[in-house]
Amino acid sequence: ADALEAAGFDRAIADRAMFAGAERY
């Protein structure tokens, strides 16, 4: 979350796309 925020993203992005992220990974 700290890295997301430092790069200008919403800290909660990862929580919203866990399943899609796993499939793409």
PDBML (XML) file of the C-alpha atoms, coordinates in Angstrom:
<?xml version="1.0" encoding="UTF-8" ?>
<PDBx:datablock datablockName="MODEL"
   xmlns:PDBx="http://pdbml.pdb.org/schema/pdbx-v50.xsd"
   xmlns:xsi="http://www.w3.org/2001/XMLSchema-instance"
   xsi:schemaLocation="http://pdbml.pdb.org/schema/pdbx-v50.xsd pdbx-v50.xsd">
   <PDBx:atom_siteCategory>
      <PDBx:atom_site id="1">
         <PDBx:B_iso_or_equiv>0.00</PDBx:B_iso_or_equiv>
         <PDBx:Cartn_x>0.000</PDBx:Cartn_x>
         <PDBx:Cartn_y>0.000</PDBx:Cartn_y>
         <PDBx:Cartn_z>0.000</PDBx:Cartn_z>
         <PDBx:auth_asym_id>A</PDBx:auth_asym_id>
         <PDBx:auth_atom_id>CA</PDBx:auth_atom_id>
         <PDBx:auth_comp_id>ALA</PDBx:auth_comp_id>
         <PDBx:auth_seq_id>1</PDBx:auth_seq_id>
         <PDBx:group_PDB>ATOM</PDBx:group_PDB>
         <PDBx:label_alt_id xsi:nil="true" />
         <PDBx:label_asym_id>A</PDBx:label_asym_id>
         <PDBx:label_atom_id>CA</PDBx:label_atom_id>
         <PDBx:label_comp_id>ALA</PDBx:label_comp_id>
         <PDBx:label_entity_id>1</PDBx:label_entity_id>
         <PDBx:label_seq_id>1</PDBx:label_seq_id>
         <PDBx:occupancy>1.00</PDBx:occupancy>
         <PDBx:pdbx_PDB_model_num>1</PDBx:pdbx_PDB_model_num>
         <PDBx:type_symbol>C</PDBx:type_symbol>
      </PDBx:atom_site>
      <PDBx:atom_site id="2">
         <PDBx:B_iso_or_equiv>0.00</PDBx:B_iso_or_equiv>
         <PDBx:Cartn_x>2.870</PDBx:Cartn_x>
         <PDBx:Cartn_y>2.401</PDBx:Cartn_y>
         <PDBx:Cartn_z>0.772</PDBx:Cartn_z>
         <PDBx:auth_asym_id>A</PDBx:auth_asym_id>
         <PDBx:auth_atom_id>CA</PDBx:auth_atom_id>
         <PDBx:auth_comp_id>ASP</PDBx:auth_comp_id>
         <PDBx:auth_seq_id>2</PDBx:auth_seq_id>
         <PDBx:group_PDB>ATOM</PDBx:group_PDB>
         <PDBx:label_alt_id xsi:nil="true" />
         <PDBx:label_asym_id>A</PDBx:label_asym_id>
         <PDBx:label_atom_id>CA</PDBx:label_atom_id>
         <PDBx:label_comp_id>ASP</PDBx:label_comp_id>
         <PDBx:label_entity_id>1</PDBx:label_entity_id>
         <PDBx:label_seq_id>2</PDBx:label_seq_id>
         <PDBx:occupancy>1.00</PDBx:occupancy>
         <PDBx:pdbx_PDB_model_num>1</PDBx:pdbx_PDB_model_num>
         <PDBx:type_symbol>C</PDBx:type_symbol>
      </PDBx:atom_site>
      <PDBx:atom_site id="3">
         <PDBx:B_iso_or_equiv>0.00</PDBx:B_iso_or_equiv>
         <PDBx:Cartn_x>4.420</PDBx:Cartn_x>
         <PDBx:Cartn_y>1.706</PDBx:Cartn_y>
         <PDBx:Cartn_z>-2.637</PDBx:Cartn_z>
         <PDBx:auth_asym_id>A</PDBx:auth_asym_id>
         <PDBx:auth_atom_id>CA</PDBx:auth_atom_id>
         <PDBx:auth_comp_id>ALA</PDBx:auth_comp_id>
         <PDBx:auth_seq_id>3</PDBx:auth_seq_id>
         <PDBx:group_PDB>ATOM</PDBx:group_PDB>
         <PDBx:label_alt_id xsi:nil="true" />
         <PDBx:label_asym_id>A</PDBx:label_asym_id>
         <PDBx:label_atom_id>CA</PDBx:label_atom_id>
         <PDBx:label_comp_id>ALA</PDBx:label_comp_id>
         <PDBx:label_entity_id>1</PDBx:label_entity_id>
         <PDBx:label_seq_id>3</PDBx:label_seq_id>
         <PDBx:occupancy>1.00</PDBx:occupancy>
         <PDBx:pdbx_PDB_model_num>1</PDBx:pdbx_PDB_model_num>
         <PDBx:type_symbol>C</PDBx:type_symbol>
      </PDBx:atom_site>
      <PDBx:atom_site id="4">
         <PDBx:B_iso_or_equiv>0.00</PDBx:B_iso_or_equiv>
         <PDBx:Cartn_x>1.090</PDBx:Cartn_x>
         <PDBx:Cartn_y>2.223</PDBx:Cartn_y>
         <PDBx:Cartn_z>-4.394</PDBx:Cartn_z>
         <PDBx:auth_asym_id>A</PDBx:auth_asym_id>
         <PDBx:auth_atom_id>CA</PDBx:auth_atom_id>
         <PDBx:auth_comp_id>LEU</PDBx:auth_comp_id>
         <PDBx:auth_seq_id>4</PDBx:auth_seq_id>
         <PDBx:group_PDB>ATOM</PDBx:group_PDB>
         <PDBx:label_alt_id xsi:nil="true" />
         <PDBx:label_asym_id>A</PDBx:label_asym_id>
         <PDBx:label_atom_id>CA</PDBx:label_atom_id>
         <PDBx:label_comp_id>LEU</PDBx:label_comp_id>
         <PDBx:label_entity_id>1</PDBx:label_entity_id>
         <PDBx:label_seq_id>4</PDBx:label_seq_id>
         <PDBx:occupancy>1.00</PDBx:occupancy>
         <PDBx:pdbx_PDB_model_num>1</PDBx:pdbx_PDB_model_num>
         <PDBx:type_symbol>C</PDBx:type_symbol>
      </PDBx:atom_site>
      <PDBx:atom_site id="5">
         <PDBx:B_iso_or_equiv>0.00</PDBx:B_iso_or_equiv>
         <PDBx:Cartn_x>0.519</PDBx:Cartn_x>
         <PDBx:Cartn_y>5.540</PDBx:Cartn_y>
         <PDBx:Cartn_z>-2.649</PDBx:Cartn_z>
         <PDBx:auth_asym_id>A</PDBx:auth_asym_id>
         <PDBx:auth_atom_id>CA</PDBx:auth_atom_id>
         <PDBx:auth_comp_id>GLU</PDBx:auth_comp_id>
         <PDBx:auth_seq_id>5</PDBx:auth_seq_id>
         <PDBx:group_PDB>ATOM</PDBx:group_PDB>
         <PDBx:label_alt_id xsi:nil="true" />
         <PDBx:label_asym_id>A</PDBx:label_asym_id>
         <PDBx:label_atom_id>CA</PDBx:label_atom_id>
         <PDBx:label_comp_id>GLU</PDBx:label_comp_id>
         <PDBx:label_entity_id>1</PDBx:label_entity_id>
         <PDBx:label_seq_id>5</PDBx:label_seq_id>
         <PDBx:occupancy>1.00</PDBx:occupancy>
         <PDBx:pdbx_PDB_model_num>1</PDBx:pdbx_PDB_model_num>
         <PDBx:type_symbol>C</PDBx:type_symbol>
      </PDBx:atom_site>
      <PDBx:atom_site id="6">
         <PDBx:B_iso_or_equiv>0.00</PDBx:B_iso_or_equiv>
         <PDBx:Cartn_x>4.064</PDBx:Cartn_x>
         <PDBx:Cartn_y>6.761</PDBx:Cartn_y>
         <PDBx:Cartn_z>-3.308</PDBx:Cartn_z>
         <PDBx:auth_asym_id>A</PDBx:auth_asym_id>
         <PDBx:auth_atom_id>CA</PDBx:auth_atom_id>
         <PDBx:auth_comp_id>ALA</PDBx:auth_comp_id>
         <PDBx:auth_seq_id>6</PDBx:auth_seq_id>
         <PDBx:group_PDB>ATOM</PDBx:group_PDB>
         <PDBx:label_alt_id xsi:nil="true" />
         <PDBx:label_asym_id>A</PDBx:label_asym_id>
         <PDBx:label_atom_id>CA</PDBx:label_atom_id>
         <PDBx:label_comp_id>ALA</PDBx:label_comp_id>
         <PDBx:label_entity_id>1</PDBx:label_entity_id>
         <PDBx:label_seq_id>6</PDBx:label_seq_id>
         <PDBx:occupancy>1.00</PDBx:occupancy>
         <PDBx:pdbx_PDB_model_num>1</PDBx:pdbx_PDB_model_num>
         <PDBx:type_symbol>C</PDBx:type_symbol>
      </PDBx:atom_site>
      <PDBx:atom_site id="7">
         <PDBx:B_iso_or_equiv>0.00</PDBx:B_iso_or_equiv>
         <PDBx:Cartn_x>3.569</PDBx:Cartn_x>
         <PDBx:Cartn_y>6.074</PDBx:Cartn_y>
         <PDBx:Cartn_z>-7.024</PDBx:Cartn_z>
         <PDBx:auth_asym_id>A</PDBx:auth_asym_id>
         <PDBx:auth_atom_id>CA</PDBx:auth_atom_id>
         <PDBx:auth_comp_id>ALA</PDBx:auth_comp_id>
         <PDBx:auth_seq_id>7</PDBx:auth_seq_id>
         <PDBx:group_PDB>ATOM</PDBx:group_PDB>
         <PDBx:label_alt_id xsi:nil="true" />
         <PDBx:label_asym_id>A</PDBx:label_asym_id>
         <PDBx:label_atom_id>CA</PDBx:label_atom_id>
         <PDBx:label_comp_id>ALA</PDBx:label_comp_id>
         <PDBx:label_entity_id>1</PDBx:label_entity_id>
         <PDBx:label_seq_id>7</PDBx:label_seq_id>
         <PDBx:occupancy>1.00</PDBx:occupancy>
         <PDBx:pdbx_PDB_model_num>1</PDBx:pdbx_PDB_model_num>
         <PDBx:type_symbol>C</PDBx:type_symbol>
      </PDBx:atom_site>
      <PDBx:atom_site id="8">
         <PDBx:B_iso_or_equiv>0.00</PDBx:B_iso_or_equiv>
         <PDBx:Cartn_x>0.279</PDBx:Cartn_x>
         <PDBx:Cartn_y>7.966</PDBx:Cartn_y>
         <PDBx:Cartn_z>-7.151</PDBx:Cartn_z>
         <PDBx:auth_asym_id>A</PDBx:auth_asym_id>
         <PDBx:auth_atom_id>CA</PDBx:auth_atom_id>
         <PDBx:auth_comp_id>GLY</PDBx:auth_comp_id>
         <PDBx:auth_seq_id>8</PDBx:auth_seq_id>
         <PDBx:group_PDB>ATOM</PDBx:group_PDB>
         <PDBx:label_alt_id xsi:nil="true" />
         <PDBx:label_asym_id>A</PDBx:label_asym_id>
         <PDBx:label_atom_id>CA</PDBx:label_atom_id>
         <PDBx:label_comp_id>GLY</PDBx:label_comp_id>
         <PDBx:label_entity_id>1</PDBx:label_entity_id>
         <PDBx:label_seq_id>8</PDBx:label_seq_id>
         <PDBx:occupancy>1.00</PDBx:occupancy>
         <PDBx:pdbx_PDB_model_num>1</PDBx:pdbx_PDB_model_num>
         <PDBx:type_symbol>C</PDBx:type_symbol>
      </PDBx:atom_site>
      <PDBx:atom_site id="9">
         <PDBx:B_iso_or_equiv>0.00</PDBx:B_iso_or_equiv>
         <PDBx:Cartn_x>-2.164</PDBx:Cartn_x>
         <PDBx:Cartn_y>5.065</PDBx:Cartn_y>
         <PDBx:Cartn_z>-6.910</PDBx:Cartn_z>
         <PDBx:auth_asym_id>A</PDBx:auth_asym_id>
         <PDBx:auth_atom_id>CA</PDBx:auth_atom_id>
         <PDBx:auth_comp_id>PHE</PDBx:auth_comp_id>
         <PDBx:auth_seq_id>9</PDBx:auth_seq_id>
         <PDBx:group_PDB>ATOM</PDBx:group_PDB>
         <PDBx:label_alt_id xsi:nil="true" />
         <PDBx:label_asym_id>A</PDBx:label_asym_id>
         <PDBx:label_atom_id>CA</PDBx:label_atom_id>
         <PDBx:label_comp_id>PHE</PDBx:label_comp_id>
         <PDBx:label_entity_id>1</PDBx:label_entity_id>
         <PDBx:label_seq_id>9</PDBx:label_seq_id>
         <PDBx:occupancy>1.00</PDBx:occupancy>
         <PDBx:pdbx_PDB_model_num>1</PDBx:pdbx_PDB_model_num>
         <PDBx:type_symbol>C</PDBx:type_symbol>
      </PDBx:atom_site>
      <PDBx:atom_site id="10">
         <PDBx:B_iso_or_equiv>0.00</PDBx:B_iso_or_equiv>
         <PDBx:Cartn_x>-4.974</PDBx:Cartn_x>
         <PDBx:Cartn_y>4.364</PDBx:Cartn_y>
         <PDBx:Cartn_z>-4.466</PDBx:Cartn_z>
         <PDBx:auth_asym_id>A</PDBx:auth_asym_id>
         <PDBx:auth_atom_id>CA</PDBx:auth_atom_id>
         <PDBx:auth_comp_id>ASP</PDBx:auth_comp_id>
         <PDBx:auth_seq_id>10</PDBx:auth_seq_id>
         <PDBx:group_PDB>ATOM</PDBx:group_PDB>
         <PDBx:label_alt_id xsi:nil="true" />
         <PDBx:label_asym_id>A</PDBx:label_asym_id>
         <PDBx:label_atom_id>CA</PDBx:label_atom_id>
         <PDBx:label_comp_id>ASP</PDBx:label_comp_id>
         <PDBx:label_entity_id>1</PDBx:label_entity_id>
         <PDBx:label_seq_id>10</PDBx:label_seq_id>
         <PDBx:occupancy>1.00</PDBx:occupancy>
         <PDBx:pdbx_PDB_model_num>1</PDBx:pdbx_PDB_model_num>
         <PDBx:type_symbol>C</PDBx:type_symbol>
      </PDBx:atom_site>
      <PDBx:atom_site id="11">
         <PDBx:B_iso_or_equiv>0.00</PDBx:B_iso_or_equiv>
         <PDBx:Cartn_x>-3.622</PDBx:Cartn_x>
         <PDBx:Cartn_y>2.350</PDBx:Cartn_y>
         <PDBx:Cartn_z>-1.538</PDBx:Cartn_z>
         <PDBx:auth_asym_id>A</PDBx:auth_asym_id>
         <PDBx:auth_atom_id>CA</PDBx:auth_atom_id>
         <PDBx:auth_comp_id>ARG</PDBx:auth_comp_id>
         <PDBx:auth_seq_id>11</PDBx:auth_seq_id>
         <PDBx:group_PDB>ATOM</PDBx:group_PDB>
         <PDBx:label_alt_id xsi:nil="true" />
         <PDBx:label_asym_id>A</PDBx:label_asym_id>
         <PDBx:label_atom_id>CA</PDBx:label_atom_id>
         <PDBx:label_comp_id>ARG</PDBx:label_comp_id>
         <PDBx:label_entity_id>1</PDBx:label_entity_id>
         <PDBx:label_seq_id>11</PDBx:label_seq_id>
         <PDBx:occupancy>1.00</PDBx:occupancy>
         <PDBx:pdbx_PDB_model_num>1</PDBx:pdbx_PDB_model_num>
         <PDBx:type_symbol>C</PDBx:type_symbol>
      </PDBx:atom_site>
      <PDBx:atom_site id="12">
         <PDBx:B_iso_or_equiv>0.00</PDBx:B_iso_or_equiv>
         <PDBx:Cartn_x>-6.571</PDBx:Cartn_x>
         <PDBx:Cartn_y>-0.056</PDBx:Cartn_y>
         <PDBx:Cartn_z>-1.799</PDBx:Cartn_z>
         <PDBx:auth_asym_id>A</PDBx:auth_asym_id>
         <PDBx:auth_atom_id>CA</PDBx:auth_atom_id>
         <PDBx:auth_comp_id>ALA</PDBx:auth_comp_id>
         <PDBx:auth_seq_id>12</PDBx:auth_seq_id>
         <PDBx:group_PDB>ATOM</PDBx:group_PDB>
         <PDBx:label_alt_id xsi:nil="true" />
         <PDBx:label_asym_id>A</PDBx:label_asym_id>
         <PDBx:label_atom_id>CA</PDBx:label_atom_id>
         <PDBx:label_comp_id>ALA</PDBx:label_comp_id>
         <PDBx:label_entity_id>1</PDBx:label_entity_id>
         <PDBx:label_seq_id>12</PDBx:label_seq_id>
         <PDBx:occupancy>1.00</PDBx:occupancy>
         <PDBx:pdbx_PDB_model_num>1</PDBx:pdbx_PDB_model_num>
         <PDBx:type_symbol>C</PDBx:type_symbol>
      </PDBx:atom_site>
      <PDBx:atom_site id="13">
         <PDBx:B_iso_or_equiv>0.00</PDBx:B_iso_or_equiv>
         <PDBx:Cartn_x>-6.158</PDBx:Cartn_x>
         <PDBx:Cartn_y>-0.996</PDBx:Cartn_y>
         <PDBx:Cartn_z>-5.469</PDBx:Cartn_z>
         <PDBx:auth_asym_id>A</PDBx:auth_asym_id>
         <PDBx:auth_atom_id>CA</PDBx:auth_atom_id>
         <PDBx:auth_comp_id>ILE</PDBx:auth_comp_id>
         <PDBx:auth_seq_id>13</PDBx:auth_seq_id>
         <PDBx:group_PDB>ATOM</PDBx:group_PDB>
         <PDBx:label_alt_id xsi:nil="true" />
         <PDBx:label_asym_id>A</PDBx:label_asym_id>
         <PDBx:label_atom_id>CA</PDBx:label_atom_id>
         <PDBx:label_comp_id>ILE</PDBx:label_comp_id>
         <PDBx:label_entity_id>1</PDBx:label_entity_id>
         <PDBx:label_seq_id>13</PDBx:label_seq_id>
         <PDBx:occupancy>1.00</PDBx:occupancy>
         <PDBx:pdbx_PDB_model_num>1</PDBx:pdbx_PDB_model_num>
         <PDBx:type_symbol>C</PDBx:type_symbol>
      </PDBx:atom_site>
      <PDBx:atom_site id="14">
         <PDBx:B_iso_or_equiv>0.00</PDBx:B_iso_or_equiv>
         <PDBx:Cartn_x>-4.776</PDBx:Cartn_x>
         <PDBx:Cartn_y>-4.445</PDBx:Cartn_y>
         <PDBx:Cartn_z>-4.744</PDBx:Cartn_z>
         <PDBx:auth_asym_id>A</PDBx:auth_asym_id>
         <PDBx:auth_atom_id>CA</PDBx:auth_atom_id>
         <PDBx:auth_comp_id>ALA</PDBx:auth_comp_id>
         <PDBx:auth_seq_id>14</PDBx:auth_seq_id>
         <PDBx:group_PDB>ATOM</PDBx:group_PDB>
         <PDBx:label_alt_id xsi:nil="true" />
         <PDBx:label_asym_id>A</PDBx:label_asym_id>
         <PDBx:label_atom_id>CA</PDBx:label_atom_id>
         <PDBx:label_comp_id>ALA</PDBx:label_comp_id>
         <PDBx:label_entity_id>1</PDBx:label_entity_id>
         <PDBx:label_seq_id>14</PDBx:label_seq_id>
         <PDBx:occupancy>1.00</PDBx:occupancy>
         <PDBx:pdbx_PDB_model_num>1</PDBx:pdbx_PDB_model_num>
         <PDBx:type_symbol>C</PDBx:type_symbol>
      </PDBx:atom_site>
      <PDBx:atom_site id="15">
         <PDBx:B_iso_or_equiv>0.00</PDBx:B_iso_or_equiv>
         <PDBx:Cartn_x>-7.802</PDBx:Cartn_x>
         <PDBx:Cartn_y>-5.393</PDBx:Cartn_y>
         <PDBx:Cartn_z>-2.641</PDBx:Cartn_z>
         <PDBx:auth_asym_id>A</PDBx:auth_asym_id>
         <PDBx:auth_atom_id>CA</PDBx:auth_atom_id>
         <PDBx:auth_comp_id>ASP</PDBx:auth_comp_id>
         <PDBx:auth_seq_id>15</PDBx:auth_seq_id>
         <PDBx:group_PDB>ATOM</PDBx:group_PDB>
         <PDBx:label_alt_id xsi:nil="true" />
         <PDBx:label_asym_id>A</PDBx:label_asym_id>
         <PDBx:label_atom_id>CA</PDBx:label_atom_id>
         <PDBx:label_comp_id>ASP</PDBx:label_comp_id>
         <PDBx:label_entity_id>1</PDBx:label_entity_id>
         <PDBx:label_seq_id>15</PDBx:label_seq_id>
         <PDBx:occupancy>1.00</PDBx:occupancy>
         <PDBx:pdbx_PDB_model_num>1</PDBx:pdbx_PDB_model_num>
         <PDBx:type_symbol>C</PDBx:type_symbol>
      </PDBx:atom_site>
      <PDBx:atom_site id="16">
         <PDBx:B_iso_or_equiv>0.00</PDBx:B_iso_or_equiv>
         <PDBx:Cartn_x>-10.175</PDBx:Cartn_x>
         <PDBx:Cartn_y>-4.644</PDBx:Cartn_y>
         <PDBx:Cartn_z>-5.504</PDBx:Cartn_z>
         <PDBx:auth_asym_id>A</PDBx:auth_asym_id>
         <PDBx:auth_atom_id>CA</PDBx:auth_atom_id>
         <PDBx:auth_comp_id>ARG</PDBx:auth_comp_id>
         <PDBx:auth_seq_id>16</PDBx:auth_seq_id>
         <PDBx:group_PDB>ATOM</PDBx:group_PDB>
         <PDBx:label_alt_id xsi:nil="true" />
         <PDBx:label_asym_id>A</PDBx:label_asym_id>
         <PDBx:label_atom_id>CA</PDBx:label_atom_id>
         <PDBx:label_comp_id>ARG</PDBx:label_comp_id>
         <PDBx:label_entity_id>1</PDBx:label_entity_id>
         <PDBx:label_seq_id>16</PDBx:label_seq_id>
         <PDBx:occupancy>1.00</PDBx:occupancy>
         <PDBx:pdbx_PDB_model_num>1</PDBx:pdbx_PDB_model_num>
         <PDBx:type_symbol>C</PDBx:type_symbol>
      </PDBx:atom_site>
      <PDBx:atom_site id="17">
         <PDBx:B_iso_or_equiv>0.00</PDBx:B_iso_or_equiv>
         <PDBx:Cartn_x>-8.580</PDBx:Cartn_x>
         <PDBx:Cartn_y>-6.924</PDBx:Cartn_y>
         <PDBx:Cartn_z>-8.080</PDBx:Cartn_z>
         <PDBx:auth_asym_id>A</PDBx:auth_asym_id>
         <PDBx:auth_atom_id>CA</PDBx:auth_atom_id>
         <PDBx:auth_comp_id>ALA</PDBx:auth_comp_id>
         <PDBx:auth_seq_id>17</PDBx:auth_seq_id>
         <PDBx:group_PDB>ATOM</PDBx:group_PDB>
         <PDBx:label_alt_id xsi:nil="true" />
         <PDBx:label_asym_id>A</PDBx:label_asym_id>
         <PDBx:label_atom_id>CA</PDBx:label_atom_id>
         <PDBx:label_comp_id>ALA</PDBx:label_comp_id>
         <PDBx:label_entity_id>1</PDBx:label_entity_id>
         <PDBx:label_seq_id>17</PDBx:label_seq_id>
         <PDBx:occupancy>1.00</PDBx:occupancy>
         <PDBx:pdbx_PDB_model_num>1</PDBx:pdbx_PDB_model_num>
         <PDBx:type_symbol>C</PDBx:type_symbol>
      </PDBx:atom_site>
      <PDBx:atom_site id="18">
         <PDBx:B_iso_or_equiv>0.00</PDBx:B_iso_or_equiv>
         <PDBx:Cartn_x>-7.182</PDBx:Cartn_x>
         <PDBx:Cartn_y>-9.971</PDBx:Cartn_y>
         <PDBx:Cartn_z>-6.290</PDBx:Cartn_z>
         <PDBx:auth_asym_id>A</PDBx:auth_asym_id>
         <PDBx:auth_atom_id>CA</PDBx:auth_atom_id>
         <PDBx:auth_comp_id>MET</PDBx:auth_comp_id>
         <PDBx:auth_seq_id>18</PDBx:auth_seq_id>
         <PDBx:group_PDB>ATOM</PDBx:group_PDB>
         <PDBx:label_alt_id xsi:nil="true" />
         <PDBx:label_asym_id>A</PDBx:label_asym_id>
         <PDBx:label_atom_id>CA</PDBx:label_atom_id>
         <PDBx:label_comp_id>MET</PDBx:label_comp_id>
         <PDBx:label_entity_id>1</PDBx:label_entity_id>
         <PDBx:label_seq_id>18</PDBx:label_seq_id>
         <PDBx:occupancy>1.00</PDBx:occupancy>
         <PDBx:pdbx_PDB_model_num>1</PDBx:pdbx_PDB_model_num>
         <PDBx:type_symbol>C</PDBx:type_symbol>
      </PDBx:atom_site>
      <PDBx:atom_site id="19">
         <PDBx:B_iso_or_equiv>0.00</PDBx:B_iso_or_equiv>
         <PDBx:Cartn_x>-8.840</PDBx:Cartn_x>
         <PDBx:Cartn_y>-12.595</PDBx:Cartn_y>
         <PDBx:Cartn_z>-8.492</PDBx:Cartn_z>
         <PDBx:auth_asym_id>A</PDBx:auth_asym_id>
         <PDBx:auth_atom_id>CA</PDBx:auth_atom_id>
         <PDBx:auth_comp_id>PHE</PDBx:auth_comp_id>
         <PDBx:auth_seq_id>19</PDBx:auth_seq_id>
         <PDBx:group_PDB>ATOM</PDBx:group_PDB>
         <PDBx:label_alt_id xsi:nil="true" />
         <PDBx:label_asym_id>A</PDBx:label_asym_id>
         <PDBx:label_atom_id>CA</PDBx:label_atom_id>
         <PDBx:label_comp_id>PHE</PDBx:label_comp_id>
         <PDBx:label_entity_id>1</PDBx:label_entity_id>
         <PDBx:label_seq_id>19</PDBx:label_seq_id>
         <PDBx:occupancy>1.00</PDBx:occupancy>
         <PDBx:pdbx_PDB_model_num>1</PDBx:pdbx_PDB_model_num>
         <PDBx:type_symbol>C</PDBx:type_symbol>
      </PDBx:atom_site>
      <PDBx:atom_site id="20">
         <PDBx:B_iso_or_equiv>0.00</PDBx:B_iso_or_equiv>
         <PDBx:Cartn_x>-8.096</PDBx:Cartn_x>
         <PDBx:Cartn_y>-10.810</PDBx:Cartn_y>
         <PDBx:Cartn_z>-11.755</PDBx:Cartn_z>
         <PDBx:auth_asym_id>A</PDBx:auth_asym_id>
         <PDBx:auth_atom_id>CA</PDBx:auth_atom_id>
         <PDBx:auth_comp_id>ALA</PDBx:auth_comp_id>
         <PDBx:auth_seq_id>20</PDBx:auth_seq_id>
         <PDBx:group_PDB>ATOM</PDBx:group_PDB>
         <PDBx:label_alt_id xsi:nil="true" />
         <PDBx:label_asym_id>A</PDBx:label_asym_id>
         <PDBx:label_atom_id>CA</PDBx:label_atom_id>
         <PDBx:label_comp_id>ALA</PDBx:label_comp_id>
         <PDBx:label_entity_id>1</PDBx:label_entity_id>
         <PDBx:label_seq_id>20</PDBx:label_seq_id>
         <PDBx:occupancy>1.00</PDBx:occupancy>
         <PDBx:pdbx_PDB_model_num>1</PDBx:pdbx_PDB_model_num>
         <PDBx:type_symbol>C</PDBx:type_symbol>
      </PDBx:atom_site>
      <PDBx:atom_site id="21">
         <PDBx:B_iso_or_equiv>0.00</PDBx:B_iso_or_equiv>
         <PDBx:Cartn_x>-4.523</PDBx:Cartn_x>
         <PDBx:Cartn_y>-10.309</PDBx:Cartn_y>
         <PDBx:Cartn_z>-10.600</PDBx:Cartn_z>
         <PDBx:auth_asym_id>A</PDBx:auth_asym_id>
         <PDBx:auth_atom_id>CA</PDBx:auth_atom_id>
         <PDBx:auth_comp_id>GLY</PDBx:auth_comp_id>
         <PDBx:auth_seq_id>21</PDBx:auth_seq_id>
         <PDBx:group_PDB>ATOM</PDBx:group_PDB>
         <PDBx:label_alt_id xsi:nil="true" />
         <PDBx:label_asym_id>A</PDBx:label_asym_id>
         <PDBx:label_atom_id>CA</PDBx:label_atom_id>
         <PDBx:label_comp_id>GLY</PDBx:label_comp_id>
         <PDBx:label_entity_id>1</PDBx:label_entity_id>
         <PDBx:label_seq_id>21</PDBx:label_seq_id>
         <PDBx:occupancy>1.00</PDBx:occupancy>
         <PDBx:pdbx_PDB_model_num>1</PDBx:pdbx_PDB_model_num>
         <PDBx:type_symbol>C</PDBx:type_symbol>
      </PDBx:atom_site>
      <PDBx:atom_site id="22">
         <PDBx:B_iso_or_equiv>0.00</PDBx:B_iso_or_equiv>
         <PDBx:Cartn_x>-4.085</PDBx:Cartn_x>
         <PDBx:Cartn_y>-13.990</PDBx:Cartn_y>
         <PDBx:Cartn_z>-9.836</PDBx:Cartn_z>
         <PDBx:auth_asym_id>A</PDBx:auth_asym_id>
         <PDBx:auth_atom_id>CA</PDBx:auth_atom_id>
         <PDBx:auth_comp_id>ALA</PDBx:auth_comp_id>
         <PDBx:auth_seq_id>22</PDBx:auth_seq_id>
         <PDBx:group_PDB>ATOM</PDBx:group_PDB>
         <PDBx:label_alt_id xsi:nil="true" />
         <PDBx:label_asym_id>A</PDBx:label_asym_id>
         <PDBx:label_atom_id>CA</PDBx:label_atom_id>
         <PDBx:label_comp_id>ALA</PDBx:label_comp_id>
         <PDBx:label_entity_id>1</PDBx:label_entity_id>
         <PDBx:label_seq_id>22</PDBx:label_seq_id>
         <PDBx:occupancy>1.00</PDBx:occupancy>
         <PDBx:pdbx_PDB_model_num>1</PDBx:pdbx_PDB_model_num>
         <PDBx:type_symbol>C</PDBx:type_symbol>
      </PDBx:atom_site>
      <PDBx:atom_site id="23">
         <PDBx:B_iso_or_equiv>0.00</PDBx:B_iso_or_equiv>
         <PDBx:Cartn_x>-5.419</PDBx:Cartn_x>
         <PDBx:Cartn_y>-15.009</PDBx:Cartn_y>
         <PDBx:Cartn_z>-13.247</PDBx:Cartn_z>
         <PDBx:auth_asym_id>A</PDBx:auth_asym_id>
         <PDBx:auth_atom_id>CA</PDBx:auth_atom_id>
         <PDBx:auth_comp_id>GLU</PDBx:auth_comp_id>
         <PDBx:auth_seq_id>23</PDBx:auth_seq_id>
         <PDBx:group_PDB>ATOM</PDBx:group_PDB>
         <PDBx:label_alt_id xsi:nil="true" />
         <PDBx:label_asym_id>A</PDBx:label_asym_id>
         <PDBx:label_atom_id>CA</PDBx:label_atom_id>
         <PDBx:label_comp_id>GLU</PDBx:label_comp_id>
         <PDBx:label_entity_id>1</PDBx:label_entity_id>
         <PDBx:label_seq_id>23</PDBx:label_seq_id>
         <PDBx:occupancy>1.00</PDBx:occupancy>
         <PDBx:pdbx_PDB_model_num>1</PDBx:pdbx_PDB_model_num>
         <PDBx:type_symbol>C</PDBx:type_symbol>
      </PDBx:atom_site>
      <PDBx:atom_site id="24">
         <PDBx:B_iso_or_equiv>0.00</PDBx:B_iso_or_equiv>
         <PDBx:Cartn_x>-3.196</PDBx:Cartn_x>
         <PDBx:Cartn_y>-12.544</PDBx:Cartn_y>
         <PDBx:Cartn_z>-15.103</PDBx:Cartn_z>
         <PDBx:auth_asym_id>A</PDBx:auth_asym_id>
         <PDBx:auth_atom_id>CA</PDBx:auth_atom_id>
         <PDBx:auth_comp_id>ARG</PDBx:auth_comp_id>
         <PDBx:auth_seq_id>24</PDBx:auth_seq_id>
         <PDBx:group_PDB>ATOM</PDBx:group_PDB>
         <PDBx:label_alt_id xsi:nil="true" />
         <PDBx:label_asym_id>A</PDBx:label_asym_id>
         <PDBx:label_atom_id>CA</PDBx:label_atom_id>
         <PDBx:label_comp_id>ARG</PDBx:label_comp_id>
         <PDBx:label_entity_id>1</PDBx:label_entity_id>
         <PDBx:label_seq_id>24</PDBx:label_seq_id>
         <PDBx:occupancy>1.00</PDBx:occupancy>
         <PDBx:pdbx_PDB_model_num>1</PDBx:pdbx_PDB_model_num>
         <PDBx:type_symbol>C</PDBx:type_symbol>
      </PDBx:atom_site>
      <PDBx:atom_site id="25">
         <PDBx:B_iso_or_equiv>0.00</PDBx:B_iso_or_equiv>
         <PDBx:Cartn_x>-0.163</PDBx:Cartn_x>
         <PDBx:Cartn_y>-13.492</PDBx:Cartn_y>
         <PDBx:Cartn_z>-12.995</PDBx:Cartn_z>
         <PDBx:auth_asym_id>A</PDBx:auth_asym_id>
         <PDBx:auth_atom_id>CA</PDBx:auth_atom_id>
         <PDBx:auth_comp_id>TYR</PDBx:auth_comp_id>
         <PDBx:auth_seq_id>25</PDBx:auth_seq_id>
         <PDBx:group_PDB>ATOM</PDBx:group_PDB>
         <PDBx:label_alt_id xsi:nil="true" />
         <PDBx:label_asym_id>A</PDBx:label_asym_id>
         <PDBx:label_atom_id>CA</PDBx:label_atom_id>
         <PDBx:label_comp_id>TYR</PDBx:label_comp_id>
         <PDBx:label_entity_id>1</PDBx:label_entity_id>
         <PDBx:label_seq_id>25</PDBx:label_seq_id>
         <PDBx:occupancy>1.00</PDBx:occupancy>
         <PDBx:pdbx_PDB_model_num>1</PDBx:pdbx_PDB_model_num>
         <PDBx:type_symbol>C</PDBx:type_symbol>
      </PDBx:atom_site>
   </PDBx:atom_siteCategory>
</PDBx:datablock>
